N, C-alpha and C. Protein backbone atom coordinates (compact mmCIF):
# COMPACT_ATOMS: atom_id res chain seq x y z
N MET A 1 -103.85 69.95 73.37
CA MET A 1 -102.63 70.50 72.77
C MET A 1 -102.57 70.12 71.30
N SER A 2 -101.96 70.96 70.49
CA SER A 2 -101.75 70.68 69.08
C SER A 2 -100.56 69.76 68.89
N PHE A 3 -100.42 69.26 67.65
CA PHE A 3 -99.27 68.43 67.33
C PHE A 3 -97.97 69.21 67.62
N ALA A 4 -97.99 70.47 67.28
CA ALA A 4 -96.79 71.31 67.52
C ALA A 4 -96.48 71.41 69.00
N GLN A 5 -97.48 71.65 69.81
CA GLN A 5 -97.24 71.78 71.26
C GLN A 5 -96.75 70.47 71.86
N ARG A 6 -97.32 69.39 71.46
CA ARG A 6 -96.87 68.08 71.97
C ARG A 6 -95.43 67.79 71.54
N SER A 7 -95.11 68.13 70.29
CA SER A 7 -93.76 67.93 69.80
C SER A 7 -92.74 68.75 70.57
N LEU A 8 -93.06 70.01 70.75
CA LEU A 8 -92.14 70.91 71.47
C LEU A 8 -91.92 70.42 72.94
N LYS A 9 -92.99 69.96 73.57
CA LYS A 9 -92.88 69.46 74.91
C LYS A 9 -91.93 68.25 74.94
N PHE A 10 -92.02 67.39 73.94
CA PHE A 10 -91.16 66.22 73.88
C PHE A 10 -89.71 66.59 73.62
N PHE A 11 -89.46 67.31 72.56
CA PHE A 11 -88.07 67.58 72.16
C PHE A 11 -87.34 68.49 73.13
N LEU A 12 -88.02 69.53 73.60
CA LEU A 12 -87.34 70.51 74.44
C LEU A 12 -87.08 70.00 75.86
N ASN A 13 -87.63 68.83 76.16
CA ASN A 13 -87.36 68.26 77.49
C ASN A 13 -86.48 67.00 77.43
N LEU A 14 -85.86 66.77 76.28
CA LEU A 14 -84.99 65.60 76.15
C LEU A 14 -83.72 65.80 76.99
N LYS A 15 -83.30 64.72 77.61
CA LYS A 15 -82.06 64.69 78.41
C LYS A 15 -81.12 63.61 77.90
N GLU A 16 -79.86 63.92 77.80
CA GLU A 16 -78.91 62.93 77.34
C GLU A 16 -78.54 61.96 78.45
N PRO A 17 -78.21 60.72 78.10
CA PRO A 17 -77.76 59.77 79.13
C PRO A 17 -76.43 60.20 79.74
N GLU A 18 -76.17 59.75 80.93
CA GLU A 18 -74.96 60.18 81.63
C GLU A 18 -73.69 59.63 80.99
N TYR A 19 -73.74 58.32 80.60
CA TYR A 19 -72.50 57.71 80.08
C TYR A 19 -72.86 56.60 79.11
N LEU A 20 -72.29 56.67 77.91
CA LEU A 20 -72.56 55.64 76.89
C LEU A 20 -71.35 54.75 76.57
N GLY A 21 -70.21 55.11 77.10
CA GLY A 21 -69.04 54.29 76.85
C GLY A 21 -67.88 55.22 76.43
N GLU A 22 -66.67 54.62 76.41
CA GLU A 22 -65.46 55.37 76.10
C GLU A 22 -65.53 55.94 74.69
N GLY A 23 -65.30 57.26 74.60
CA GLY A 23 -65.25 57.91 73.31
C GLY A 23 -66.61 58.22 72.68
N ILE A 24 -67.71 57.89 73.38
CA ILE A 24 -69.04 58.12 72.83
C ILE A 24 -69.73 59.24 73.62
N SER A 25 -70.29 60.16 72.88
CA SER A 25 -71.00 61.27 73.50
C SER A 25 -72.29 61.55 72.76
N VAL A 26 -73.11 62.40 73.36
CA VAL A 26 -74.39 62.75 72.75
C VAL A 26 -74.49 64.27 72.61
N ILE A 27 -75.00 64.70 71.50
CA ILE A 27 -75.27 66.13 71.29
C ILE A 27 -76.77 66.38 71.56
N ASN A 28 -77.05 67.27 72.49
CA ASN A 28 -78.44 67.65 72.78
C ASN A 28 -78.61 69.16 72.38
N PRO A 29 -79.02 69.37 71.13
CA PRO A 29 -79.15 70.79 70.69
C PRO A 29 -80.26 71.53 71.39
N TYR A 30 -81.19 70.79 71.99
CA TYR A 30 -82.39 71.43 72.57
C TYR A 30 -82.10 72.20 73.86
N GLU A 31 -80.86 72.07 74.36
CA GLU A 31 -80.48 72.85 75.52
C GLU A 31 -80.08 74.30 75.13
N ASN A 32 -79.89 74.52 73.83
CA ASN A 32 -79.49 75.83 73.31
C ASN A 32 -80.75 76.68 73.09
N LYS A 33 -80.75 77.88 73.64
CA LYS A 33 -81.94 78.75 73.54
C LYS A 33 -82.26 79.15 72.10
N ILE A 34 -81.22 79.31 71.28
CA ILE A 34 -81.47 79.67 69.88
C ILE A 34 -82.11 78.52 69.15
N VAL A 35 -81.66 77.29 69.42
CA VAL A 35 -82.26 76.09 68.87
C VAL A 35 -83.74 75.99 69.31
N GLN A 36 -83.98 76.25 70.55
CA GLN A 36 -85.34 76.18 71.09
C GLN A 36 -86.26 77.16 70.29
N GLU A 37 -85.78 78.34 69.98
CA GLU A 37 -86.57 79.29 69.24
C GLU A 37 -86.82 78.82 67.81
N VAL A 38 -85.79 78.27 67.17
CA VAL A 38 -85.90 77.78 65.80
C VAL A 38 -86.87 76.60 65.72
N VAL A 39 -86.71 75.67 66.65
CA VAL A 39 -87.58 74.50 66.65
C VAL A 39 -89.04 74.92 66.93
N SER A 40 -89.24 75.87 67.82
CA SER A 40 -90.59 76.38 68.07
C SER A 40 -91.18 77.00 66.80
N SER A 41 -90.38 77.74 66.06
CA SER A 41 -90.83 78.37 64.81
C SER A 41 -91.22 77.30 63.79
N PHE A 42 -90.39 76.28 63.68
CA PHE A 42 -90.61 75.19 62.72
C PHE A 42 -91.92 74.45 62.99
N TYR A 43 -92.09 74.00 64.24
CA TYR A 43 -93.28 73.21 64.58
C TYR A 43 -94.55 74.04 64.54
N THR A 44 -94.43 75.29 64.97
CA THR A 44 -95.60 76.16 64.91
C THR A 44 -96.03 76.43 63.47
N LYS A 45 -95.01 76.53 62.61
CA LYS A 45 -95.29 76.84 61.19
C LYS A 45 -95.95 75.64 60.45
N TYR A 46 -95.46 74.40 60.73
CA TYR A 46 -95.88 73.26 59.94
C TYR A 46 -96.76 72.25 60.67
N PHE A 47 -96.86 72.33 61.99
CA PHE A 47 -97.60 71.34 62.74
C PHE A 47 -98.61 71.90 63.73
N ASN A 48 -99.07 73.09 63.48
CA ASN A 48 -99.96 73.75 64.40
C ASN A 48 -101.41 73.33 64.15
N ASP A 49 -101.67 72.03 64.35
CA ASP A 49 -102.99 71.42 64.08
C ASP A 49 -103.07 70.15 64.91
N ASN A 50 -104.14 69.42 64.70
CA ASN A 50 -104.30 68.13 65.41
C ASN A 50 -104.41 66.95 64.45
N LYS A 51 -103.87 67.12 63.24
CA LYS A 51 -103.85 66.03 62.26
C LYS A 51 -102.88 64.95 62.69
N SER A 52 -103.23 63.72 62.44
CA SER A 52 -102.25 62.62 62.60
C SER A 52 -101.43 62.52 61.32
N ARG A 53 -100.21 61.98 61.45
CA ARG A 53 -99.28 61.95 60.32
C ARG A 53 -98.59 60.59 60.27
N VAL A 54 -98.12 60.25 59.04
CA VAL A 54 -97.32 59.09 58.85
C VAL A 54 -95.92 59.41 59.36
N PHE A 55 -95.37 58.55 60.20
CA PHE A 55 -94.05 58.80 60.77
C PHE A 55 -92.97 58.21 59.85
N VAL A 56 -91.97 59.05 59.58
CA VAL A 56 -90.80 58.62 58.79
C VAL A 56 -89.59 58.75 59.73
N LEU A 57 -89.01 57.65 60.10
CA LEU A 57 -88.01 57.68 61.17
C LEU A 57 -86.62 57.26 60.70
N GLY A 58 -85.66 58.13 60.96
CA GLY A 58 -84.27 57.82 60.74
C GLY A 58 -83.70 57.08 61.93
N ILE A 59 -82.40 57.02 61.99
CA ILE A 59 -81.70 56.25 63.03
C ILE A 59 -81.49 57.14 64.27
N ASN A 60 -80.54 58.05 64.18
CA ASN A 60 -80.40 59.16 65.15
C ASN A 60 -79.78 60.33 64.38
N PRO A 61 -80.04 61.56 64.79
CA PRO A 61 -79.62 62.71 64.01
C PRO A 61 -78.12 62.79 63.76
N GLY A 62 -77.72 63.37 62.62
CA GLY A 62 -76.32 63.60 62.35
C GLY A 62 -75.84 64.91 62.99
N ARG A 63 -74.55 65.00 63.16
CA ARG A 63 -74.00 66.15 63.86
C ARG A 63 -74.07 67.43 63.03
N PHE A 64 -74.28 67.34 61.71
CA PHE A 64 -74.37 68.52 60.87
C PHE A 64 -75.79 68.86 60.45
N GLY A 65 -76.75 68.01 60.83
CA GLY A 65 -78.17 68.24 60.53
C GLY A 65 -78.95 68.54 61.76
N GLY A 66 -79.73 67.51 62.20
CA GLY A 66 -80.53 67.65 63.40
C GLY A 66 -79.70 67.93 64.64
N GLY A 67 -78.44 67.52 64.62
CA GLY A 67 -77.57 67.79 65.76
C GLY A 67 -77.25 69.27 65.93
N ILE A 68 -77.49 70.04 64.88
CA ILE A 68 -77.29 71.49 64.94
C ILE A 68 -78.63 72.22 65.07
N THR A 69 -79.56 71.86 64.21
CA THR A 69 -80.82 72.62 64.11
C THR A 69 -81.90 72.13 65.05
N GLY A 70 -81.79 70.84 65.49
CA GLY A 70 -82.85 70.26 66.33
C GLY A 70 -84.03 69.72 65.51
N ILE A 71 -83.89 69.73 64.15
CA ILE A 71 -84.94 69.26 63.29
C ILE A 71 -84.37 68.16 62.41
N SER A 72 -84.97 66.96 62.45
CA SER A 72 -84.42 65.81 61.74
C SER A 72 -84.22 66.06 60.26
N PHE A 73 -83.07 65.60 59.76
CA PHE A 73 -82.71 65.67 58.35
C PHE A 73 -82.75 67.08 57.79
N THR A 74 -82.55 68.07 58.65
CA THR A 74 -82.63 69.46 58.26
C THR A 74 -81.37 70.19 58.70
N ASP A 75 -80.52 70.45 57.72
CA ASP A 75 -79.30 71.25 58.05
C ASP A 75 -79.64 72.72 58.00
N PRO A 76 -78.71 73.58 58.41
CA PRO A 76 -79.03 75.02 58.48
C PRO A 76 -79.45 75.63 57.13
N VAL A 77 -78.87 75.15 56.03
CA VAL A 77 -79.20 75.68 54.71
C VAL A 77 -80.61 75.27 54.29
N ALA A 78 -80.95 74.01 54.52
CA ALA A 78 -82.33 73.53 54.24
C ALA A 78 -83.35 74.25 55.07
N LEU A 79 -82.98 74.48 56.32
CA LEU A 79 -83.91 75.22 57.20
C LEU A 79 -84.20 76.60 56.67
N ARG A 80 -83.16 77.22 56.12
CA ARG A 80 -83.32 78.58 55.60
C ARG A 80 -83.97 78.57 54.22
N ASP A 81 -83.51 77.74 53.32
CA ASP A 81 -83.91 77.84 51.91
C ASP A 81 -85.28 77.16 51.65
N PHE A 82 -85.54 76.05 52.33
CA PHE A 82 -86.76 75.32 52.06
C PHE A 82 -87.86 75.59 53.11
N CYS A 83 -87.45 75.57 54.38
CA CYS A 83 -88.44 75.79 55.44
C CYS A 83 -88.70 77.29 55.67
N LYS A 84 -87.86 78.11 55.05
CA LYS A 84 -88.00 79.58 55.16
C LYS A 84 -87.93 80.04 56.61
N ILE A 85 -87.01 79.45 57.36
CA ILE A 85 -86.77 79.86 58.74
C ILE A 85 -85.31 80.34 58.85
N GLU A 86 -85.16 81.62 59.05
CA GLU A 86 -83.81 82.18 59.16
C GLU A 86 -83.12 81.64 60.43
N ASN A 87 -81.79 81.47 60.33
CA ASN A 87 -81.04 80.96 61.46
C ASN A 87 -79.59 81.42 61.34
N SER A 88 -78.88 81.31 62.45
CA SER A 88 -77.47 81.74 62.47
C SER A 88 -76.54 80.56 62.65
N PHE A 89 -76.97 79.38 62.15
CA PHE A 89 -76.22 78.14 62.33
C PHE A 89 -75.14 77.91 61.26
N GLY A 90 -75.00 78.82 60.30
CA GLY A 90 -73.94 78.70 59.31
C GLY A 90 -74.41 78.10 58.01
N GLU A 91 -73.45 77.64 57.21
CA GLU A 91 -73.76 77.15 55.85
C GLU A 91 -73.38 75.66 55.65
N LYS A 92 -73.10 74.96 56.71
CA LYS A 92 -72.67 73.58 56.60
C LYS A 92 -73.82 72.72 56.08
N ARG A 93 -73.54 71.94 55.01
CA ARG A 93 -74.54 71.04 54.44
C ARG A 93 -74.34 69.61 54.99
N GLU A 94 -75.45 68.88 55.02
CA GLU A 94 -75.42 67.45 55.41
C GLU A 94 -75.97 66.64 54.22
N LEU A 95 -75.29 65.59 53.87
CA LEU A 95 -75.68 64.80 52.67
C LEU A 95 -77.13 64.32 52.80
N SER A 96 -77.52 63.81 53.94
CA SER A 96 -78.89 63.30 54.13
C SER A 96 -79.91 64.41 53.92
N SER A 97 -79.62 65.58 54.43
CA SER A 97 -80.52 66.72 54.34
C SER A 97 -80.68 67.14 52.88
N ILE A 98 -79.59 67.14 52.13
CA ILE A 98 -79.65 67.53 50.70
C ILE A 98 -80.59 66.62 49.96
N PHE A 99 -80.48 65.30 50.21
CA PHE A 99 -81.36 64.35 49.52
C PHE A 99 -82.81 64.52 49.97
N VAL A 100 -83.03 64.56 51.26
CA VAL A 100 -84.40 64.60 51.79
C VAL A 100 -85.12 65.85 51.26
N TYR A 101 -84.45 66.98 51.25
CA TYR A 101 -85.17 68.18 50.79
C TYR A 101 -85.32 68.24 49.30
N GLU A 102 -84.55 67.49 48.56
CA GLU A 102 -84.80 67.38 47.13
C GLU A 102 -86.13 66.53 46.94
N VAL A 103 -86.27 65.51 47.76
CA VAL A 103 -87.50 64.74 47.74
C VAL A 103 -88.71 65.61 48.13
N ILE A 104 -88.56 66.34 49.26
CA ILE A 104 -89.66 67.18 49.76
C ILE A 104 -90.05 68.21 48.69
N SER A 105 -89.07 68.80 48.02
CA SER A 105 -89.33 69.80 46.99
C SER A 105 -90.14 69.16 45.85
N LYS A 106 -89.77 67.96 45.44
CA LYS A 106 -90.51 67.29 44.35
C LYS A 106 -91.85 66.75 44.82
N PHE A 107 -92.03 66.61 46.08
CA PHE A 107 -93.32 66.18 46.63
C PHE A 107 -94.33 67.33 46.63
N GLY A 108 -93.83 68.55 46.55
CA GLY A 108 -94.72 69.70 46.55
C GLY A 108 -94.31 70.75 47.56
N GLY A 109 -93.19 70.56 48.23
CA GLY A 109 -92.71 71.53 49.19
C GLY A 109 -93.01 71.15 50.62
N CYS A 110 -92.48 71.93 51.53
CA CYS A 110 -92.56 71.63 52.97
C CYS A 110 -93.99 71.61 53.48
N LYS A 111 -94.82 72.54 53.05
CA LYS A 111 -96.19 72.62 53.57
C LYS A 111 -96.95 71.34 53.20
N ASN A 112 -96.82 70.90 51.97
CA ASN A 112 -97.52 69.65 51.55
C ASN A 112 -96.94 68.45 52.25
N PHE A 113 -95.64 68.39 52.33
CA PHE A 113 -95.03 67.19 52.92
C PHE A 113 -95.34 67.11 54.41
N TYR A 114 -95.07 68.18 55.16
CA TYR A 114 -95.26 68.11 56.60
C TYR A 114 -96.71 68.05 57.04
N SER A 115 -97.65 68.34 56.14
CA SER A 115 -99.05 68.20 56.51
C SER A 115 -99.45 66.74 56.58
N SER A 116 -98.64 65.86 55.95
CA SER A 116 -98.95 64.41 55.93
C SER A 116 -97.92 63.57 56.66
N PHE A 117 -96.70 64.07 56.79
CA PHE A 117 -95.59 63.26 57.32
C PHE A 117 -94.85 63.95 58.44
N PHE A 118 -94.32 63.15 59.33
CA PHE A 118 -93.52 63.64 60.47
C PHE A 118 -92.14 63.00 60.36
N LEU A 119 -91.12 63.77 60.14
CA LEU A 119 -89.72 63.27 60.07
C LEU A 119 -89.08 63.33 61.42
N SER A 120 -88.56 62.21 61.89
CA SER A 120 -87.87 62.20 63.14
C SER A 120 -86.89 61.06 63.15
N ALA A 121 -86.48 60.61 64.33
CA ALA A 121 -85.49 59.56 64.47
C ALA A 121 -85.92 58.61 65.62
N VAL A 122 -85.49 57.36 65.48
CA VAL A 122 -85.81 56.39 66.52
C VAL A 122 -85.22 56.88 67.85
N TYR A 123 -83.93 57.28 67.81
CA TYR A 123 -83.30 57.88 68.95
C TYR A 123 -83.07 59.35 68.61
N PRO A 124 -83.69 60.31 69.29
CA PRO A 124 -83.76 61.70 68.78
C PRO A 124 -82.55 62.58 69.06
N LEU A 125 -81.49 62.04 69.65
CA LEU A 125 -80.30 62.86 69.90
C LEU A 125 -79.12 62.30 69.07
N ALA A 126 -78.26 63.21 68.63
CA ALA A 126 -77.09 62.81 67.84
C ALA A 126 -76.07 62.06 68.71
N ILE A 127 -75.58 60.96 68.23
CA ILE A 127 -74.55 60.18 68.91
C ILE A 127 -73.24 60.33 68.14
N ILE A 128 -72.18 60.64 68.87
CA ILE A 128 -70.89 60.88 68.30
C ILE A 128 -69.86 59.93 68.95
N LYS A 129 -69.06 59.31 68.07
CA LYS A 129 -67.97 58.49 68.60
C LYS A 129 -66.67 58.92 67.87
N ASP A 130 -65.71 59.32 68.71
CA ASP A 130 -64.42 59.78 68.15
C ASP A 130 -64.60 60.87 67.09
N GLY A 131 -65.59 61.76 67.35
CA GLY A 131 -65.75 62.90 66.47
C GLY A 131 -66.59 62.63 65.23
N LYS A 132 -67.08 61.43 65.08
CA LYS A 132 -67.90 61.11 63.89
C LYS A 132 -69.28 60.60 64.26
N ASN A 133 -70.24 60.71 63.30
CA ASN A 133 -71.61 60.18 63.57
C ASN A 133 -71.51 58.70 63.91
N HIS A 134 -72.39 58.30 64.84
CA HIS A 134 -72.42 56.91 65.29
C HIS A 134 -73.90 56.51 65.41
N ASN A 135 -74.21 55.28 65.04
CA ASN A 135 -75.59 54.82 65.09
C ASN A 135 -75.91 54.09 66.37
N TYR A 136 -77.11 54.16 66.83
CA TYR A 136 -77.50 53.51 68.10
C TYR A 136 -77.32 52.02 68.05
N TYR A 137 -77.33 51.40 66.87
CA TYR A 137 -77.20 49.95 66.76
C TYR A 137 -75.80 49.50 66.37
N ASP A 138 -74.81 50.42 66.38
CA ASP A 138 -73.45 50.04 65.88
C ASP A 138 -72.76 49.05 66.82
N SER A 139 -73.21 49.00 68.02
CA SER A 139 -72.67 47.95 68.93
C SER A 139 -73.80 47.46 69.83
N LYS A 140 -73.73 46.20 70.15
CA LYS A 140 -74.76 45.59 71.02
C LYS A 140 -74.75 46.29 72.39
N LYS A 141 -73.60 46.62 72.87
CA LYS A 141 -73.49 47.26 74.18
C LYS A 141 -74.18 48.61 74.17
N LEU A 142 -73.94 49.37 73.13
CA LEU A 142 -74.58 50.69 73.06
C LEU A 142 -76.10 50.60 72.94
N PHE A 143 -76.54 49.66 72.10
CA PHE A 143 -77.98 49.49 71.98
C PHE A 143 -78.62 49.06 73.31
N ASN A 144 -77.95 48.16 73.99
CA ASN A 144 -78.53 47.70 75.30
C ASN A 144 -78.56 48.84 76.29
N THR A 145 -77.56 49.73 76.24
CA THR A 145 -77.53 50.88 77.13
C THR A 145 -78.67 51.85 76.84
N LEU A 146 -78.99 51.96 75.56
CA LEU A 146 -80.01 52.93 75.16
C LEU A 146 -81.41 52.30 74.97
N LYS A 147 -81.50 50.98 75.16
CA LYS A 147 -82.72 50.26 74.80
C LYS A 147 -83.97 50.82 75.40
N ASN A 148 -83.94 51.12 76.69
CA ASN A 148 -85.14 51.67 77.35
C ASN A 148 -85.42 53.09 76.84
N ASP A 149 -84.35 53.89 76.62
CA ASP A 149 -84.55 55.25 76.12
C ASP A 149 -85.18 55.21 74.72
N ILE A 150 -84.72 54.25 73.90
CA ILE A 150 -85.27 54.11 72.54
C ILE A 150 -86.71 53.71 72.58
N LYS A 151 -87.05 52.74 73.40
CA LYS A 151 -88.44 52.33 73.53
C LYS A 151 -89.30 53.48 73.98
N ASN A 152 -88.88 54.24 74.96
CA ASN A 152 -89.64 55.36 75.45
C ASN A 152 -89.76 56.45 74.38
N SER A 153 -88.67 56.67 73.65
CA SER A 153 -88.68 57.67 72.61
C SER A 153 -89.71 57.32 71.54
N LEU A 154 -89.72 56.05 71.11
CA LEU A 154 -90.65 55.62 70.10
C LEU A 154 -92.09 55.76 70.58
N LEU A 155 -92.34 55.37 71.81
CA LEU A 155 -93.68 55.44 72.40
C LEU A 155 -94.15 56.86 72.56
N GLU A 156 -93.27 57.73 73.08
CA GLU A 156 -93.68 59.12 73.32
C GLU A 156 -93.87 59.88 71.99
N GLN A 157 -93.04 59.56 71.01
CA GLN A 157 -93.20 60.23 69.72
C GLN A 157 -94.50 59.75 69.03
N TYR A 158 -94.81 58.47 69.21
CA TYR A 158 -96.05 57.92 68.65
C TYR A 158 -97.27 58.72 69.19
N LYS A 159 -97.18 59.07 70.45
CA LYS A 159 -98.30 59.80 71.08
C LYS A 159 -98.45 61.20 70.57
N LEU A 160 -97.44 61.73 69.81
CA LEU A 160 -97.55 63.06 69.29
C LEU A 160 -98.65 63.17 68.22
N GLY A 161 -98.96 62.02 67.58
CA GLY A 161 -99.98 62.03 66.56
C GLY A 161 -99.67 61.16 65.37
N ALA A 162 -99.18 59.93 65.64
CA ALA A 162 -98.84 59.04 64.58
C ALA A 162 -100.02 58.29 64.03
N LYS A 163 -100.02 58.07 62.69
CA LYS A 163 -100.97 57.17 62.10
C LYS A 163 -100.55 55.76 62.41
N LYS A 164 -101.49 54.91 62.72
CA LYS A 164 -101.14 53.56 63.21
C LYS A 164 -100.87 52.58 62.04
N ASN A 165 -101.35 52.91 60.82
CA ASN A 165 -101.30 51.94 59.74
C ASN A 165 -99.88 51.61 59.28
N VAL A 166 -98.95 52.58 59.43
CA VAL A 166 -97.57 52.31 58.92
C VAL A 166 -96.60 53.24 59.55
N VAL A 167 -95.34 52.78 59.67
CA VAL A 167 -94.22 53.66 59.97
C VAL A 167 -93.16 53.36 58.89
N ILE A 168 -92.55 54.40 58.36
CA ILE A 168 -91.57 54.26 57.33
C ILE A 168 -90.17 54.49 57.94
N SER A 169 -89.35 53.48 57.82
CA SER A 169 -87.96 53.56 58.34
C SER A 169 -87.05 54.04 57.25
N LEU A 170 -86.13 54.90 57.55
CA LEU A 170 -85.06 55.23 56.61
C LEU A 170 -83.84 54.41 57.00
N GLY A 171 -83.62 53.36 56.24
CA GLY A 171 -82.54 52.41 56.54
C GLY A 171 -83.11 51.04 56.87
N LYS A 172 -82.55 50.01 56.20
CA LYS A 172 -83.06 48.65 56.40
C LYS A 172 -82.80 48.11 57.79
N LYS A 173 -81.57 48.32 58.27
CA LYS A 173 -81.22 47.83 59.61
C LYS A 173 -82.03 48.56 60.69
N ASN A 174 -82.25 49.85 60.46
CA ASN A 174 -83.10 50.63 61.35
C ASN A 174 -84.51 50.00 61.42
N ALA A 175 -85.00 49.58 60.24
CA ALA A 175 -86.34 48.96 60.18
C ALA A 175 -86.39 47.69 61.01
N GLU A 176 -85.32 46.94 61.01
CA GLU A 176 -85.28 45.69 61.78
C GLU A 176 -85.40 45.97 63.27
N PHE A 177 -84.76 47.05 63.72
CA PHE A 177 -84.88 47.37 65.15
C PHE A 177 -86.22 47.98 65.49
N ILE A 178 -86.77 48.78 64.56
CA ILE A 178 -88.11 49.32 64.78
C ILE A 178 -89.12 48.18 64.87
N GLN A 179 -88.97 47.19 63.97
CA GLN A 179 -89.88 46.03 64.00
C GLN A 179 -89.78 45.27 65.32
N ARG A 180 -88.56 45.12 65.79
CA ARG A 180 -88.35 44.38 67.04
C ARG A 180 -89.05 45.12 68.22
N ILE A 181 -88.89 46.40 68.26
CA ILE A 181 -89.55 47.17 69.31
C ILE A 181 -91.07 47.20 69.13
N ASN A 182 -91.48 47.34 67.87
CA ASN A 182 -92.91 47.39 67.57
C ASN A 182 -93.62 46.08 67.94
N ASN A 183 -92.89 44.98 67.81
CA ASN A 183 -93.49 43.68 68.19
C ASN A 183 -93.89 43.67 69.64
N LYS A 184 -93.15 44.44 70.45
CA LYS A 184 -93.45 44.48 71.90
C LYS A 184 -94.49 45.57 72.22
N LEU A 185 -94.37 46.69 71.55
CA LEU A 185 -95.24 47.85 71.88
C LEU A 185 -96.52 47.86 71.06
N ASN A 186 -96.52 47.21 69.91
CA ASN A 186 -97.70 47.12 69.05
C ASN A 186 -98.25 48.51 68.72
N LEU A 187 -97.36 49.37 68.20
CA LEU A 187 -97.75 50.72 67.85
C LEU A 187 -98.25 50.82 66.42
N PHE A 188 -97.52 50.17 65.50
CA PHE A 188 -97.82 50.30 64.07
C PHE A 188 -98.20 48.97 63.44
N GLN A 189 -99.09 49.02 62.49
CA GLN A 189 -99.56 47.79 61.82
C GLN A 189 -98.51 47.25 60.85
N LYS A 190 -97.67 48.14 60.29
CA LYS A 190 -96.71 47.73 59.31
C LYS A 190 -95.46 48.61 59.37
N VAL A 191 -94.31 48.00 59.16
CA VAL A 191 -93.04 48.72 59.06
C VAL A 191 -92.52 48.66 57.63
N GLU A 192 -92.46 49.78 56.95
CA GLU A 192 -91.86 49.86 55.63
C GLU A 192 -90.47 50.45 55.74
N TYR A 193 -89.66 50.29 54.71
CA TYR A 193 -88.35 50.97 54.76
C TYR A 193 -87.95 51.47 53.38
N LEU A 194 -87.14 52.52 53.40
CA LEU A 194 -86.44 53.05 52.24
C LEU A 194 -84.96 53.11 52.53
N GLU A 195 -84.12 53.04 51.50
CA GLU A 195 -82.71 53.14 51.73
C GLU A 195 -82.37 54.48 52.39
N HIS A 196 -81.40 54.48 53.26
CA HIS A 196 -81.09 55.67 54.01
C HIS A 196 -80.49 56.74 53.13
N PRO A 197 -80.92 58.01 53.30
CA PRO A 197 -80.37 59.09 52.43
C PRO A 197 -78.84 59.15 52.44
N ARG A 198 -78.21 58.93 53.56
CA ARG A 198 -76.73 58.98 53.64
C ARG A 198 -76.13 57.91 52.76
N PHE A 199 -76.67 56.67 52.80
CA PHE A 199 -76.20 55.57 51.98
C PHE A 199 -76.36 55.95 50.49
N ILE A 200 -77.48 56.49 50.13
CA ILE A 200 -77.76 56.86 48.71
C ILE A 200 -76.73 57.90 48.25
N MET A 201 -76.53 58.93 49.05
CA MET A 201 -75.67 60.05 48.62
C MET A 201 -74.18 59.67 48.65
N GLN A 202 -73.85 58.69 49.51
CA GLN A 202 -72.45 58.32 49.62
C GLN A 202 -72.06 57.21 48.66
N TYR A 203 -72.99 56.27 48.43
CA TYR A 203 -72.61 55.06 47.67
C TYR A 203 -73.43 54.85 46.40
N ARG A 204 -74.57 55.52 46.25
CA ARG A 204 -75.42 55.27 45.09
C ARG A 204 -75.82 56.61 44.41
N ARG A 205 -74.95 57.57 44.46
CA ARG A 205 -75.31 58.91 44.02
C ARG A 205 -75.70 58.97 42.52
N ARG A 206 -75.05 58.09 41.72
CA ARG A 206 -75.41 58.05 40.30
C ARG A 206 -76.87 57.65 40.07
N LYS A 207 -77.44 56.93 41.01
CA LYS A 207 -78.81 56.49 40.87
C LYS A 207 -79.76 57.33 41.78
N LYS A 208 -79.31 58.52 42.13
CA LYS A 208 -80.08 59.35 43.06
C LYS A 208 -81.51 59.59 42.56
N ASP A 209 -81.66 59.89 41.29
CA ASP A 209 -83.02 60.16 40.75
C ASP A 209 -83.94 58.93 40.90
N GLU A 210 -83.37 57.74 40.74
CA GLU A 210 -84.17 56.52 40.90
C GLU A 210 -84.63 56.40 42.36
N TYR A 211 -83.77 56.71 43.29
CA TYR A 211 -84.14 56.63 44.70
C TYR A 211 -85.15 57.73 45.06
N ILE A 212 -85.02 58.89 44.46
CA ILE A 212 -86.00 59.94 44.73
C ILE A 212 -87.37 59.48 44.26
N ASP A 213 -87.43 58.85 43.09
CA ASP A 213 -88.70 58.34 42.61
C ASP A 213 -89.26 57.24 43.52
N LYS A 214 -88.38 56.45 44.08
CA LYS A 214 -88.80 55.40 45.02
C LYS A 214 -89.39 56.02 46.29
N TYR A 215 -88.75 57.06 46.79
CA TYR A 215 -89.26 57.78 47.92
C TYR A 215 -90.65 58.36 47.63
N LEU A 216 -90.75 59.02 46.48
CA LEU A 216 -92.03 59.67 46.12
C LEU A 216 -93.15 58.64 45.98
N GLU A 217 -92.79 57.49 45.42
CA GLU A 217 -93.80 56.42 45.25
C GLU A 217 -94.29 55.93 46.62
N MET A 218 -93.31 55.74 47.54
CA MET A 218 -93.66 55.27 48.87
C MET A 218 -94.54 56.29 49.60
N PHE A 219 -94.14 57.56 49.55
CA PHE A 219 -94.91 58.60 50.25
C PHE A 219 -96.31 58.74 49.66
N SER A 220 -96.40 58.62 48.34
CA SER A 220 -97.70 58.79 47.66
C SER A 220 -98.67 57.69 48.10
N LYS A 221 -98.18 56.53 48.47
CA LYS A 221 -99.03 55.42 48.93
C LYS A 221 -99.78 55.77 50.20
N TYR A 222 -99.20 56.67 51.03
CA TYR A 222 -99.72 56.85 52.35
C TYR A 222 -100.23 58.30 52.64
N VAL A 223 -100.39 59.08 51.59
CA VAL A 223 -100.91 60.43 51.80
C VAL A 223 -102.43 60.31 52.16
């Protein structure tokens, strides 16, 4: 099977946990047939080969990005304008997606970027608490509930075609959890991290160009 076929088999068969706690829910976009078609188009377009790639992993998808499109850090507008995949998901933008696709554009575009890198998340389904994005590590109880799912997710995604030399985490705290899991699974030789796009766009926007340069420098190390 190609990288695309392995990826589709993984994502399109994801199941959400039955119960995560009061007020916490999970969005599984892969149950939607339109999402299935879009995701199939995306992976067939950019991953229809057997190349291994450097994994770049976020925390868990946001409700306005991967929670809608099924593609990490990719909101409906980015999917249409940058990936050139038409969709009927609307015009809602996600801050993380805006930043990531500015980086991808300056890297040389989607074809160049996705031929070397795989964007995903440690936990591949969007977690919502009281109507807002929630991180898998925001409470010890939630992490413990999801711990086995997260381990399995990391392991199964690794099998899609990860390069072993490095994994790049988006977010410092996320990197700490990846390192903890990696110490047990021994998947990657090194865990690097970059500041999370959401953090940059929300709290460091004036220095956005500096962070873009930092991203490009990191990615250039591992092409």
